[in-house]
């Protein structure tokens, strides 16, 4: 298949197919996030359990590298695509308890991962002195992601008191096209810069939230081509 044919297929894909592609990307990156959290658990446990300084230093260096080069990227894409799927479909953020629980856990995970775990890993790799809390944090991260996976499959609990009447519309195709394209742009930029930079993902998520707000609150002011 030539490049022109490949792009022609992408352009011809329906909104449903792009939405499915966004969901696929979310699932793949979530599984990857879980696997890297387990890898951090193994490496930090190895560093804590060995008396060999060289092995300890290598384990901590590898844990730091995995966190910056892979786990952070997967976490960003998993969270971003999950947020887009909530904001751009009938599920919403606050209509179902299972979605709201996943949203809160994801926000907490991102905060702790960016501002606590990443810094602690860098410090441990620099000093060669691991903390037991690194292993605890990695284990809790893996457990939280596994719990979110169960919640996604089981969809337990009822609707929230804020569900409201009616059904939220599904966003148009361009929203899901951007949801797939933004992580590619950010991954390319992050690779070039040497650290994660989810700038395009943040911009696209803000755009999706604004579009949803306009479509819900002032549908007549939004062009028909932009409404679901």
N, C-alpha and C. Protein backbone atom coordinates (compact mmCIF):
# COMPACT_ATOMS: atom_id res chain seq x y z
N UNK A 1 0.85 -1.19 0.00
CA UNK A 1 0.00 0.00 0.00
C UNK A 1 0.89 1.25 0.00
N UNK A 2 0.65 2.16 -0.96
CA UNK A 2 1.45 3.37 -1.03
C UNK A 2 0.96 4.38 0.00
N UNK A 3 1.79 5.41 0.22
CA UNK A 3 1.46 6.41 1.22
C UNK A 3 0.17 7.14 0.88
N UNK A 4 -0.05 7.44 -0.40
CA UNK A 4 -1.26 8.16 -0.82
C UNK A 4 -2.51 7.36 -0.51
N UNK A 5 -2.44 6.03 -0.75
CA UNK A 5 -3.60 5.18 -0.45
C UNK A 5 -3.86 5.12 1.05
N UNK A 6 -2.79 5.08 1.84
CA UNK A 6 -2.94 5.05 3.29
C UNK A 6 -3.66 6.30 3.78
N UNK A 7 -3.24 7.47 3.32
CA UNK A 7 -3.87 8.71 3.76
C UNK A 7 -5.30 8.81 3.23
N UNK A 8 -5.56 8.26 2.05
CA UNK A 8 -6.92 8.27 1.51
C UNK A 8 -7.86 7.45 2.39
N UNK A 9 -7.36 6.33 2.90
CA UNK A 9 -8.16 5.49 3.80
C UNK A 9 -8.46 6.24 5.10
N UNK A 10 -7.46 6.94 5.64
CA UNK A 10 -7.67 7.69 6.88
C UNK A 10 -8.70 8.79 6.69
N UNK A 11 -8.61 9.50 5.56
CA UNK A 11 -9.56 10.59 5.29
C UNK A 11 -10.97 10.06 5.15
N UNK A 12 -11.10 8.85 4.56
CA UNK A 12 -12.43 8.29 4.31
C UNK A 12 -13.05 7.63 5.54
N UNK A 13 -12.28 7.45 6.60
CA UNK A 13 -12.81 6.78 7.79
C UNK A 13 -13.96 7.58 8.41
N UNK A 14 -14.97 6.89 8.85
CA UNK A 14 -16.13 7.53 9.46
C UNK A 14 -15.81 8.00 10.87
N UNK A 15 -16.72 8.83 11.40
CA UNK A 15 -16.55 9.29 12.78
C UNK A 15 -16.54 8.13 13.76
N UNK A 16 -17.35 7.09 13.49
CA UNK A 16 -17.40 5.92 14.37
C UNK A 16 -16.05 5.22 14.39
N UNK A 17 -15.43 5.09 13.21
CA UNK A 17 -14.13 4.43 13.14
C UNK A 17 -13.06 5.23 13.88
N UNK A 18 -13.09 6.55 13.77
CA UNK A 18 -12.12 7.38 14.49
C UNK A 18 -12.36 7.28 16.00
N UNK A 19 -13.62 7.20 16.39
CA UNK A 19 -13.94 7.04 17.81
C UNK A 19 -13.42 5.69 18.32
N UNK A 20 -13.59 4.65 17.52
CA UNK A 20 -13.06 3.35 17.89
C UNK A 20 -11.54 3.36 17.96
N UNK A 21 -10.91 4.10 17.05
CA UNK A 21 -9.46 4.21 17.06
C UNK A 21 -8.99 4.94 18.32
N UNK A 22 -9.73 5.95 18.74
CA UNK A 22 -9.41 6.66 19.98
C UNK A 22 -9.54 5.73 21.18
N UNK A 23 -10.60 4.92 21.20
CA UNK A 23 -10.80 3.96 22.28
C UNK A 23 -9.68 2.92 22.29
N UNK A 24 -9.31 2.43 21.10
CA UNK A 24 -8.21 1.47 21.01
C UNK A 24 -6.92 2.06 21.56
N UNK A 25 -6.64 3.32 21.20
CA UNK A 25 -5.43 3.98 21.69
C UNK A 25 -5.47 4.10 23.21
N UNK A 26 -6.64 4.40 23.74
CA UNK A 26 -6.80 4.51 25.20
C UNK A 26 -6.51 3.18 25.89
N UNK A 27 -7.06 2.10 25.35
CA UNK A 27 -6.87 0.79 25.96
C UNK A 27 -5.40 0.36 25.89
N UNK A 28 -4.78 0.52 24.71
CA UNK A 28 -3.39 0.10 24.53
C UNK A 28 -2.46 0.88 25.47
N UNK A 29 -2.66 2.19 25.56
CA UNK A 29 -1.79 3.00 26.41
C UNK A 29 -2.05 2.74 27.89
N UNK A 30 -3.28 2.43 28.25
CA UNK A 30 -3.58 2.10 29.64
C UNK A 30 -2.90 0.80 30.05
N UNK A 31 -2.94 -0.20 29.16
CA UNK A 31 -2.25 -1.46 29.44
C UNK A 31 -0.74 -1.23 29.52
N UNK A 32 -0.23 -0.38 28.62
CA UNK A 32 1.19 -0.04 28.67
C UNK A 32 1.57 0.67 29.95
N UNK A 33 0.72 1.58 30.40
CA UNK A 33 0.95 2.29 31.66
C UNK A 33 1.02 1.30 32.82
N UNK A 34 0.09 0.34 32.83
CA UNK A 34 0.09 -0.68 33.87
C UNK A 34 1.37 -1.51 33.83
N UNK A 35 1.79 -1.90 32.64
CA UNK A 35 2.99 -2.73 32.53
C UNK A 35 4.23 -1.98 33.00
N UNK A 36 4.31 -0.69 32.71
CA UNK A 36 5.47 0.08 33.14
C UNK A 36 5.44 0.35 34.65
N UNK A 37 4.25 0.49 35.22
CA UNK A 37 4.16 0.62 36.68
C UNK A 37 4.66 -0.66 37.35
N UNK A 38 4.32 -1.81 36.78
CA UNK A 38 4.81 -3.08 37.31
C UNK A 38 6.32 -3.20 37.14
N UNK A 39 6.84 -2.69 36.00
CA UNK A 39 8.29 -2.71 35.79
C UNK A 39 9.00 -1.84 36.83
N UNK A 40 8.40 -0.67 37.15
CA UNK A 40 8.98 0.18 38.20
C UNK A 40 8.96 -0.55 39.55
N UNK A 41 7.88 -1.26 39.82
CA UNK A 41 7.78 -2.01 41.07
C UNK A 41 8.91 -3.05 41.15
N UNK A 42 9.15 -3.76 40.06
CA UNK A 42 10.21 -4.78 40.05
C UNK A 42 11.58 -4.14 40.24
N UNK A 43 11.85 -3.04 39.51
CA UNK A 43 13.17 -2.42 39.58
C UNK A 43 13.43 -1.77 40.94
N UNK A 44 12.43 -1.10 41.49
CA UNK A 44 12.64 -0.47 42.80
C UNK A 44 12.75 -1.52 43.89
N UNK A 45 12.01 -2.63 43.75
CA UNK A 45 12.13 -3.72 44.72
C UNK A 45 13.52 -4.36 44.63
N UNK A 46 14.04 -4.48 43.40
CA UNK A 46 15.39 -5.01 43.23
C UNK A 46 16.42 -4.11 43.90
N UNK A 47 16.27 -2.80 43.71
CA UNK A 47 17.20 -1.85 44.33
C UNK A 47 17.15 -1.91 45.85
N UNK A 48 15.95 -2.12 46.39
CA UNK A 48 15.80 -2.19 47.84
C UNK A 48 16.34 -3.50 48.41
N UNK A 49 16.31 -4.57 47.61
CA UNK A 49 16.65 -5.88 48.15
C UNK A 49 18.07 -6.33 47.92
N UNK A 50 18.87 -5.53 47.19
CA UNK A 50 20.24 -5.95 46.91
C UNK A 50 21.25 -5.16 47.74
N UNK A 51 22.35 -5.82 48.05
CA UNK A 51 23.44 -5.15 48.77
C UNK A 51 24.53 -4.69 47.81
N UNK A 52 24.37 -5.04 46.54
CA UNK A 52 25.35 -4.67 45.51
C UNK A 52 25.05 -3.25 45.03
N UNK A 53 25.96 -2.32 45.28
CA UNK A 53 25.75 -0.92 44.92
C UNK A 53 25.60 -0.74 43.42
N UNK A 54 26.35 -1.53 42.63
CA UNK A 54 26.28 -1.42 41.18
C UNK A 54 24.91 -1.86 40.67
N UNK A 55 24.41 -2.96 41.19
CA UNK A 55 23.08 -3.44 40.80
C UNK A 55 22.01 -2.44 41.22
N UNK A 56 22.14 -1.93 42.43
CA UNK A 56 21.18 -0.96 42.94
C UNK A 56 21.16 0.29 42.06
N UNK A 57 22.33 0.80 41.73
CA UNK A 57 22.40 2.00 40.89
C UNK A 57 21.85 1.76 39.51
N UNK A 58 22.14 0.58 38.92
CA UNK A 58 21.62 0.26 37.59
C UNK A 58 20.10 0.14 37.60
N UNK A 59 19.56 -0.49 38.64
CA UNK A 59 18.11 -0.65 38.74
C UNK A 59 17.41 0.69 38.86
N UNK A 60 17.97 1.58 39.66
CA UNK A 60 17.35 2.90 39.84
C UNK A 60 17.48 3.75 38.58
N UNK A 61 18.62 3.65 37.90
CA UNK A 61 18.80 4.40 36.65
C UNK A 61 17.81 3.92 35.59
N UNK A 62 17.64 2.60 35.49
CA UNK A 62 16.69 2.06 34.53
C UNK A 62 15.26 2.46 34.90
N UNK A 63 14.92 2.45 36.18
CA UNK A 63 13.58 2.86 36.61
C UNK A 63 13.32 4.32 36.24
N UNK A 64 14.30 5.17 36.46
CA UNK A 64 14.14 6.57 36.09
C UNK A 64 13.97 6.73 34.59
N UNK A 65 14.75 5.98 33.82
CA UNK A 65 14.66 6.07 32.36
C UNK A 65 13.30 5.59 31.87
N UNK A 66 12.82 4.47 32.39
CA UNK A 66 11.51 3.96 31.99
C UNK A 66 10.42 4.97 32.33
N UNK A 67 10.54 5.59 33.49
CA UNK A 67 9.53 6.56 33.91
C UNK A 67 9.47 7.74 32.96
N UNK A 68 10.62 8.28 32.59
CA UNK A 68 10.65 9.47 31.75
C UNK A 68 10.38 9.16 30.28
N UNK A 69 10.94 8.05 29.79
CA UNK A 69 10.89 7.76 28.36
C UNK A 69 9.62 7.03 27.94
N UNK A 70 9.01 6.27 28.83
CA UNK A 70 7.89 5.44 28.42
C UNK A 70 6.66 5.60 29.30
N UNK A 71 6.81 5.43 30.62
CA UNK A 71 5.64 5.47 31.49
C UNK A 71 4.91 6.81 31.41
N UNK A 72 5.67 7.90 31.47
CA UNK A 72 5.03 9.22 31.44
C UNK A 72 4.27 9.45 30.14
N UNK A 73 4.86 9.03 29.02
CA UNK A 73 4.19 9.19 27.73
C UNK A 73 2.91 8.38 27.67
N UNK A 74 2.99 7.12 28.10
CA UNK A 74 1.80 6.26 28.10
C UNK A 74 0.73 6.79 29.03
N UNK A 75 1.13 7.28 30.20
CA UNK A 75 0.17 7.84 31.14
C UNK A 75 -0.53 9.06 30.56
N UNK A 76 0.24 9.93 29.90
CA UNK A 76 -0.34 11.13 29.30
C UNK A 76 -1.37 10.77 28.23
N UNK A 77 -1.02 9.84 27.35
CA UNK A 77 -1.93 9.47 26.27
C UNK A 77 -3.15 8.73 26.81
N UNK A 78 -2.95 7.86 27.78
CA UNK A 78 -4.07 7.15 28.39
C UNK A 78 -5.05 8.13 29.02
N UNK A 79 -4.52 9.07 29.80
CA UNK A 79 -5.38 10.05 30.45
C UNK A 79 -6.06 10.96 29.42
N UNK A 80 -5.31 11.42 28.44
CA UNK A 80 -5.85 12.33 27.43
C UNK A 80 -6.98 11.67 26.65
N UNK A 81 -6.76 10.47 26.13
CA UNK A 81 -7.79 9.81 25.34
C UNK A 81 -9.01 9.47 26.21
N UNK A 82 -8.77 9.11 27.47
CA UNK A 82 -9.89 8.87 28.37
C UNK A 82 -10.72 10.12 28.60
N UNK A 83 -10.05 11.24 28.80
CA UNK A 83 -10.76 12.51 28.99
C UNK A 83 -11.55 12.90 27.74
N UNK A 84 -10.95 12.70 26.57
CA UNK A 84 -11.64 13.03 25.32
C UNK A 84 -12.87 12.15 25.14
N UNK A 85 -12.73 10.86 25.40
CA UNK A 85 -13.87 9.95 25.25
C UNK A 85 -15.00 10.32 26.20
N UNK A 86 -14.66 10.81 27.39
CA UNK A 86 -15.70 11.26 28.32
C UNK A 86 -16.34 12.56 27.84
N UNK A 87 -15.50 13.49 27.39
CA UNK A 87 -16.00 14.81 27.01
C UNK A 87 -16.71 14.81 25.66
N UNK A 88 -16.41 13.84 24.80
CA UNK A 88 -16.92 13.89 23.43
C UNK A 88 -17.97 12.83 23.14
N UNK A 89 -18.40 12.10 24.16
CA UNK A 89 -19.43 11.08 23.96
C UNK A 89 -20.55 11.27 24.99
N UNK A 90 -21.52 10.38 24.93
CA UNK A 90 -22.68 10.48 25.84
C UNK A 90 -22.33 10.18 27.28
N UNK A 91 -21.15 9.60 27.54
CA UNK A 91 -20.80 9.25 28.91
C UNK A 91 -20.62 10.48 29.78
N UNK A 92 -19.95 11.51 29.28
CA UNK A 92 -19.69 12.70 30.08
C UNK A 92 -18.72 12.39 31.22
N UNK A 93 -18.44 13.42 32.04
CA UNK A 93 -17.55 13.26 33.18
C UNK A 93 -18.30 12.96 34.47
N UNK A 94 -19.50 13.54 34.62
CA UNK A 94 -20.18 13.52 35.92
C UNK A 94 -21.56 12.86 35.87
N UNK A 95 -21.84 12.10 34.81
CA UNK A 95 -23.17 11.49 34.68
C UNK A 95 -23.22 10.08 35.27
N UNK A 96 -22.08 9.41 35.32
CA UNK A 96 -22.03 8.03 35.81
C UNK A 96 -20.92 7.92 36.86
N UNK A 97 -21.23 7.22 37.95
CA UNK A 97 -20.26 7.12 39.03
C UNK A 97 -18.97 6.44 38.56
N UNK A 98 -19.08 5.42 37.70
CA UNK A 98 -17.87 4.70 37.29
C UNK A 98 -16.95 5.60 36.48
N UNK A 99 -17.50 6.48 35.66
CA UNK A 99 -16.67 7.42 34.89
C UNK A 99 -16.04 8.44 35.83
N UNK A 100 -16.82 8.95 36.77
CA UNK A 100 -16.32 9.95 37.71
C UNK A 100 -15.20 9.36 38.57
N UNK A 101 -15.36 8.12 39.03
CA UNK A 101 -14.32 7.47 39.84
C UNK A 101 -13.04 7.32 39.03
N UNK A 102 -13.16 6.89 37.77
CA UNK A 102 -11.98 6.77 36.91
C UNK A 102 -11.31 8.13 36.70
N UNK A 103 -12.12 9.16 36.52
CA UNK A 103 -11.59 10.50 36.29
C UNK A 103 -10.79 10.98 37.50
N UNK A 104 -11.36 10.81 38.70
CA UNK A 104 -10.68 11.25 39.92
C UNK A 104 -9.38 10.47 40.13
N UNK A 105 -9.42 9.16 39.95
CA UNK A 105 -8.21 8.36 40.12
C UNK A 105 -7.13 8.78 39.13
N UNK A 106 -7.52 9.03 37.90
CA UNK A 106 -6.55 9.43 36.88
C UNK A 106 -5.89 10.76 37.23
N UNK A 107 -6.68 11.73 37.66
CA UNK A 107 -6.13 13.03 38.03
C UNK A 107 -5.14 12.88 39.20
N UNK A 108 -5.52 12.08 40.20
CA UNK A 108 -4.62 11.86 41.34
C UNK A 108 -3.34 11.16 40.89
N UNK A 109 -3.48 10.17 40.03
CA UNK A 109 -2.32 9.44 39.51
C UNK A 109 -1.37 10.37 38.77
N UNK A 110 -1.92 11.22 37.92
CA UNK A 110 -1.08 12.14 37.16
C UNK A 110 -0.35 13.10 38.10
N UNK A 111 -1.06 13.63 39.08
CA UNK A 111 -0.44 14.56 40.01
C UNK A 111 0.70 13.90 40.78
N UNK A 112 0.44 12.73 41.34
CA UNK A 112 1.46 12.04 42.13
C UNK A 112 2.62 11.58 41.25
N UNK A 113 2.29 11.13 40.03
CA UNK A 113 3.33 10.67 39.14
C UNK A 113 4.26 11.78 38.69
N UNK A 114 3.69 12.95 38.39
CA UNK A 114 4.48 14.08 37.89
C UNK A 114 5.24 14.77 39.01
N UNK A 115 4.55 15.05 40.12
CA UNK A 115 5.13 15.90 41.15
C UNK A 115 5.76 15.15 42.32
N UNK A 116 5.51 13.86 42.43
CA UNK A 116 6.06 13.11 43.57
C UNK A 116 6.98 11.98 43.09
N UNK A 117 6.42 11.03 42.36
CA UNK A 117 7.18 9.84 41.99
C UNK A 117 8.36 10.16 41.08
N UNK A 118 8.13 10.98 40.05
CA UNK A 118 9.20 11.28 39.09
C UNK A 118 10.38 11.95 39.79
N UNK A 119 10.11 12.93 40.65
CA UNK A 119 11.18 13.59 41.38
C UNK A 119 11.91 12.66 42.33
N UNK A 120 11.16 11.78 42.99
CA UNK A 120 11.78 10.83 43.91
C UNK A 120 12.66 9.83 43.17
N UNK A 121 12.24 9.42 41.98
CA UNK A 121 13.05 8.51 41.18
C UNK A 121 14.34 9.17 40.72
N UNK A 122 14.26 10.42 40.30
CA UNK A 122 15.46 11.14 39.88
C UNK A 122 16.44 11.27 41.04
N UNK A 123 15.92 11.59 42.21
CA UNK A 123 16.79 11.74 43.38
C UNK A 123 17.41 10.40 43.78
N UNK A 124 16.62 9.34 43.73
CA UNK A 124 17.15 8.03 44.08
C UNK A 124 18.22 7.58 43.10
N UNK A 125 18.00 7.85 41.80
CA UNK A 125 18.99 7.47 40.80
C UNK A 125 20.28 8.28 40.97
N UNK A 126 20.15 9.53 41.42
CA UNK A 126 21.32 10.38 41.61
C UNK A 126 22.13 9.95 42.83
N UNK A 127 21.45 9.60 43.89
CA UNK A 127 22.15 9.26 45.14
C UNK A 127 22.42 7.77 45.31
N UNK A 128 21.67 6.94 44.56
CA UNK A 128 21.82 5.49 44.73
C UNK A 128 21.18 4.98 46.01
N UNK A 129 20.30 5.79 46.59
CA UNK A 129 19.65 5.41 47.85
C UNK A 129 18.14 5.33 47.64
N UNK A 130 17.60 4.14 47.37
CA UNK A 130 16.17 4.00 47.13
C UNK A 130 15.36 4.11 48.41
N UNK A 131 14.13 4.53 48.25
CA UNK A 131 13.19 4.59 49.37
C UNK A 131 12.13 3.51 49.18
N UNK A 132 11.70 2.94 50.27
CA UNK A 132 10.65 1.92 50.19
C UNK A 132 9.38 2.50 49.60
N UNK A 133 9.21 3.82 49.74
CA UNK A 133 8.01 4.45 49.22
C UNK A 133 7.96 4.46 47.70
N UNK A 134 9.12 4.33 47.05
CA UNK A 134 9.13 4.21 45.59
C UNK A 134 8.43 2.92 45.16
N UNK A 135 8.77 1.82 45.83
CA UNK A 135 8.12 0.55 45.52
C UNK A 135 6.64 0.58 45.89
N UNK A 136 6.33 1.18 47.02
CA UNK A 136 4.93 1.30 47.43
C UNK A 136 4.14 2.12 46.41
N UNK A 137 4.72 3.25 45.97
CA UNK A 137 4.05 4.10 45.00
C UNK A 137 3.82 3.39 43.67
N UNK A 138 4.84 2.65 43.20
CA UNK A 138 4.69 1.92 41.94
C UNK A 138 3.62 0.83 42.09
N UNK A 139 3.60 0.16 43.22
CA UNK A 139 2.59 -0.87 43.44
C UNK A 139 1.18 -0.30 43.49
N UNK A 140 1.03 0.82 44.18
CA UNK A 140 -0.29 1.47 44.24
C UNK A 140 -0.73 1.97 42.87
N UNK A 141 0.22 2.47 42.08
CA UNK A 141 -0.11 2.92 40.73
C UNK A 141 -0.64 1.76 39.90
N UNK A 142 0.06 0.62 39.94
CA UNK A 142 -0.38 -0.55 39.18
C UNK A 142 -1.75 -1.02 39.65
N UNK A 143 -1.96 -1.04 40.97
CA UNK A 143 -3.24 -1.48 41.51
C UNK A 143 -4.38 -0.55 41.09
N UNK A 144 -4.11 0.76 41.09
CA UNK A 144 -5.14 1.72 40.70
C UNK A 144 -5.53 1.56 39.24
N UNK A 145 -4.53 1.34 38.38
CA UNK A 145 -4.83 1.16 36.95
C UNK A 145 -5.61 -0.13 36.73
N UNK A 146 -5.22 -1.19 37.44
CA UNK A 146 -5.96 -2.46 37.34
C UNK A 146 -7.40 -2.30 37.80
N UNK A 147 -7.60 -1.53 38.87
CA UNK A 147 -8.96 -1.28 39.36
C UNK A 147 -9.77 -0.49 38.33
N UNK A 148 -9.14 0.50 37.71
CA UNK A 148 -9.82 1.27 36.66
C UNK A 148 -10.22 0.38 35.48
N UNK A 149 -9.36 -0.58 35.16
CA UNK A 149 -9.69 -1.51 34.07
C UNK A 149 -10.94 -2.31 34.41
N UNK A 150 -11.01 -2.78 35.68
CA UNK A 150 -12.21 -3.51 36.10
C UNK A 150 -13.45 -2.63 36.04
N UNK A 151 -13.31 -1.40 36.50
CA UNK A 151 -14.44 -0.47 36.48
C UNK A 151 -14.91 -0.23 35.04
N UNK A 152 -13.97 -0.12 34.11
CA UNK A 152 -14.34 0.11 32.71
C UNK A 152 -15.12 -1.07 32.13
N UNK A 153 -14.76 -2.27 32.56
CA UNK A 153 -15.44 -3.47 32.05
C UNK A 153 -16.79 -3.67 32.74
N UNK A 154 -16.81 -3.55 34.06
CA UNK A 154 -18.03 -3.84 34.83
C UNK A 154 -19.04 -2.69 34.79
N UNK A 155 -18.54 -1.45 34.67
CA UNK A 155 -19.39 -0.26 34.71
C UNK A 155 -20.39 -0.33 35.88
N UNK A 156 -19.88 -0.45 37.10
CA UNK A 156 -20.77 -0.60 38.27
C UNK A 156 -21.42 0.72 38.66
N UNK A 157 -22.33 0.63 39.61
CA UNK A 157 -22.99 1.77 40.23
C UNK A 157 -23.97 2.46 39.28
N UNK A 158 -24.79 3.29 39.84
CA UNK A 158 -25.84 3.95 39.07
C UNK A 158 -25.36 5.30 38.55
N UNK A 159 -26.29 6.06 38.01
CA UNK A 159 -25.96 7.41 37.56
C UNK A 159 -25.81 8.34 38.76
N UNK A 160 -25.08 9.40 38.58
CA UNK A 160 -24.89 10.38 39.64
C UNK A 160 -26.10 11.31 39.72
N UNK A 161 -26.21 12.08 40.80
CA UNK A 161 -27.31 13.05 40.90
C UNK A 161 -27.21 14.17 39.87
N UNK A 162 -26.05 14.29 39.21
CA UNK A 162 -25.84 15.37 38.25
C UNK A 162 -26.02 14.91 36.81
N UNK A 163 -26.60 13.71 36.62
CA UNK A 163 -26.72 13.15 35.28
C UNK A 163 -27.61 14.00 34.39
N UNK A 164 -28.69 14.53 34.95
CA UNK A 164 -29.60 15.33 34.14
C UNK A 164 -30.43 14.47 33.21
N UNK A 165 -31.32 15.13 32.51
CA UNK A 165 -32.20 14.43 31.58
C UNK A 165 -31.57 14.41 30.18
N UNK A 166 -32.04 13.48 29.38
CA UNK A 166 -31.57 13.43 28.02
C UNK A 166 -30.20 12.76 27.90
N UNK A 167 -29.70 12.77 26.68
CA UNK A 167 -28.43 12.11 26.37
C UNK A 167 -27.51 13.10 25.70
N UNK A 168 -26.28 13.15 26.16
CA UNK A 168 -25.31 14.05 25.56
C UNK A 168 -24.97 13.59 24.15
N UNK A 169 -24.76 14.53 23.22
CA UNK A 169 -24.43 14.13 21.84
C UNK A 169 -22.99 13.67 21.72
N UNK A 170 -22.75 12.86 20.71
CA UNK A 170 -21.38 12.45 20.39
C UNK A 170 -20.75 13.50 19.50
N UNK A 171 -19.52 13.85 19.78
CA UNK A 171 -18.84 14.90 19.03
C UNK A 171 -18.61 14.47 17.58
N UNK A 172 -18.40 15.41 16.69
CA UNK A 172 -18.15 15.09 15.28
C UNK A 172 -16.79 14.44 15.07
N UNK A 173 -16.57 14.00 13.84
CA UNK A 173 -15.37 13.23 13.51
C UNK A 173 -14.08 13.96 13.81
N UNK A 174 -14.03 15.26 13.56
CA UNK A 174 -12.76 15.98 13.69
C UNK A 174 -12.21 15.92 15.11
N UNK A 175 -13.10 15.79 16.11
CA UNK A 175 -12.66 15.70 17.50
C UNK A 175 -11.81 14.45 17.69
N UNK A 176 -12.26 13.32 17.15
CA UNK A 176 -11.54 12.06 17.33
C UNK A 176 -10.31 11.97 16.44
N UNK A 177 -10.34 12.66 15.30
CA UNK A 177 -9.14 12.76 14.47
C UNK A 177 -8.03 13.47 15.25
N UNK A 178 -8.39 14.58 15.90
CA UNK A 178 -7.42 15.31 16.72
C UNK A 178 -6.97 14.49 17.92
N UNK A 179 -7.89 13.69 18.47
CA UNK A 179 -7.54 12.86 19.63
C UNK A 179 -6.49 11.82 19.29
N UNK A 180 -6.46 11.38 18.04
CA UNK A 180 -5.45 10.42 17.60
C UNK A 180 -4.17 11.14 17.17
N UNK A 181 -4.32 12.30 16.55
CA UNK A 181 -3.15 13.01 16.01
C UNK A 181 -2.33 13.67 17.10
N UNK A 182 -2.98 14.21 18.13
CA UNK A 182 -2.26 14.96 19.17
C UNK A 182 -1.20 14.13 19.88
N UNK A 183 -1.49 12.89 20.30
CA UNK A 183 -0.44 12.10 20.94
C UNK A 183 0.76 11.84 20.04
N UNK A 184 0.51 11.68 18.73
CA UNK A 184 1.62 11.47 17.80
C UNK A 184 2.52 12.71 17.77
N UNK A 185 1.91 13.88 17.72
CA UNK A 185 2.68 15.12 17.72
C UNK A 185 3.47 15.27 19.03
N UNK A 186 2.82 14.99 20.14
CA UNK A 186 3.49 15.15 21.44
C UNK A 186 4.59 14.13 21.64
N UNK A 187 4.37 12.91 21.16
CA UNK A 187 5.42 11.88 21.28
C UNK A 187 6.64 12.28 20.45
N UNK A 188 6.40 12.83 19.27
CA UNK A 188 7.50 13.29 18.43
C UNK A 188 8.26 14.42 19.10
N UNK A 189 7.52 15.38 19.65
CA UNK A 189 8.16 16.51 20.33
C UNK A 189 8.89 16.05 21.58
N UNK A 190 8.28 15.14 22.34
CA UNK A 190 8.92 14.65 23.56
C UNK A 190 10.20 13.90 23.27
N UNK A 191 10.20 13.12 22.19
CA UNK A 191 11.40 12.38 21.80
C UNK A 191 12.53 13.34 21.42
N UNK A 192 12.15 14.40 20.70
CA UNK A 192 13.16 15.37 20.28
C UNK A 192 13.71 16.17 21.47
N UNK A 193 12.83 16.50 22.42
CA UNK A 193 13.24 17.31 23.56
C UNK A 193 13.88 16.50 24.68
N UNK A 194 13.55 15.22 24.75
CA UNK A 194 14.11 14.38 25.79
C UNK A 194 13.27 14.29 27.05
N UNK A 195 12.06 14.85 27.03
CA UNK A 195 11.15 14.75 28.18
C UNK A 195 9.72 14.92 27.67
N UNK A 196 8.73 14.36 28.38
CA UNK A 196 7.34 14.42 27.93
C UNK A 196 6.83 15.87 27.89
N UNK A 197 6.09 16.17 26.82
CA UNK A 197 5.52 17.51 26.68
C UNK A 197 4.15 17.38 25.99
N UNK A 198 3.09 17.14 26.77
CA UNK A 198 1.76 16.92 26.18
C UNK A 198 1.05 18.22 25.78
N UNK A 199 1.74 19.08 25.07
CA UNK A 199 1.17 20.38 24.72
C UNK A 199 -0.01 20.26 23.77
N UNK A 200 0.15 19.47 22.71
CA UNK A 200 -0.94 19.31 21.74
C UNK A 200 -2.14 18.64 22.39
N UNK A 201 -1.90 17.69 23.28
CA UNK A 201 -3.00 17.00 23.94
C UNK A 201 -3.80 17.95 24.83
N UNK A 202 -3.11 18.81 25.56
CA UNK A 202 -3.79 19.79 26.40
C UNK A 202 -4.62 20.75 25.55
N UNK A 203 -4.04 21.20 24.43
CA UNK A 203 -4.75 22.12 23.54
C UNK A 203 -5.99 21.47 22.94
N UNK A 204 -5.86 20.23 22.50
CA UNK A 204 -7.00 19.53 21.92
C UNK A 204 -8.08 19.28 22.97
N UNK A 205 -7.68 18.88 24.18
CA UNK A 205 -8.67 18.64 25.23
C UNK A 205 -9.42 19.92 25.57
N UNK A 206 -8.72 21.05 25.63
CA UNK A 206 -9.39 22.33 25.89
C UNK A 206 -10.38 22.65 24.78
N UNK A 207 -9.98 22.37 23.54
CA UNK A 207 -10.87 22.61 22.39
C UNK A 207 -12.11 21.75 22.47
N UNK A 208 -11.94 20.49 22.83
CA UNK A 208 -13.07 19.57 22.95
C UNK A 208 -14.03 20.02 24.05
N UNK A 209 -13.49 20.46 25.17
CA UNK A 209 -14.33 20.91 26.28
C UNK A 209 -15.12 22.16 25.91
N UNK A 210 -14.48 23.07 25.20
CA UNK A 210 -15.16 24.29 24.76
C UNK A 210 -16.26 23.92 23.77
N UNK A 211 -15.96 23.03 22.83
CA UNK A 211 -16.96 22.61 21.85
C UNK A 211 -18.15 21.96 22.52
N UNK A 212 -17.90 21.09 23.50
CA UNK A 212 -19.00 20.44 24.21
C UNK A 212 -19.86 21.45 24.95
N UNK A 213 -19.22 22.44 25.58
CA UNK A 213 -19.95 23.46 26.31
C UNK A 213 -20.83 24.28 25.37
N UNK A 214 -20.31 24.65 24.22
CA UNK A 214 -21.08 25.42 23.25
C UNK A 214 -22.23 24.60 22.68
N UNK A 215 -21.96 23.35 22.36
CA UNK A 215 -22.99 22.49 21.78
C UNK A 215 -24.12 22.22 22.76
N UNK A 216 -23.79 22.18 24.06
CA UNK A 216 -24.80 21.87 25.08
C UNK A 216 -25.59 23.11 25.49
N UNK A 217 -24.87 24.23 25.68
CA UNK A 217 -25.52 25.42 26.22
C UNK A 217 -26.12 26.33 25.16
N UNK A 218 -25.50 26.38 23.99
CA UNK A 218 -25.99 27.28 22.94
C UNK A 218 -25.95 26.57 21.59
N UNK A 219 -26.77 25.54 21.42
CA UNK A 219 -26.70 24.76 20.19
C UNK A 219 -26.97 25.55 18.93
N UNK A 220 -27.79 26.60 19.02
CA UNK A 220 -28.09 27.36 17.82
C UNK A 220 -26.94 28.23 17.36
N UNK A 221 -26.02 28.50 18.26
CA UNK A 221 -24.87 29.34 17.91
C UNK A 221 -23.74 28.52 17.29
N UNK A 222 -23.85 27.20 17.35
CA UNK A 222 -22.80 26.34 16.81
C UNK A 222 -23.21 25.89 15.42
N UNK A 223 -22.36 26.03 14.41
CA UNK A 223 -22.70 25.58 13.07
C UNK A 223 -23.09 24.12 13.07
N UNK A 224 -24.03 23.78 12.18
CA UNK A 224 -24.52 22.40 12.12
C UNK A 224 -23.41 21.41 11.82
N UNK A 225 -22.43 21.85 11.06
CA UNK A 225 -21.32 20.95 10.69
C UNK A 225 -20.47 20.56 11.89
N UNK A 226 -20.52 21.36 12.97
CA UNK A 226 -19.71 21.09 14.14
C UNK A 226 -20.47 20.32 15.20
N UNK A 227 -21.78 20.27 15.08
CA UNK A 227 -22.56 19.57 16.09
C UNK A 227 -22.67 18.10 15.76
N UNK A 228 -22.77 17.27 16.82
CA UNK A 228 -22.88 15.83 16.59
C UNK A 228 -24.23 15.49 15.97
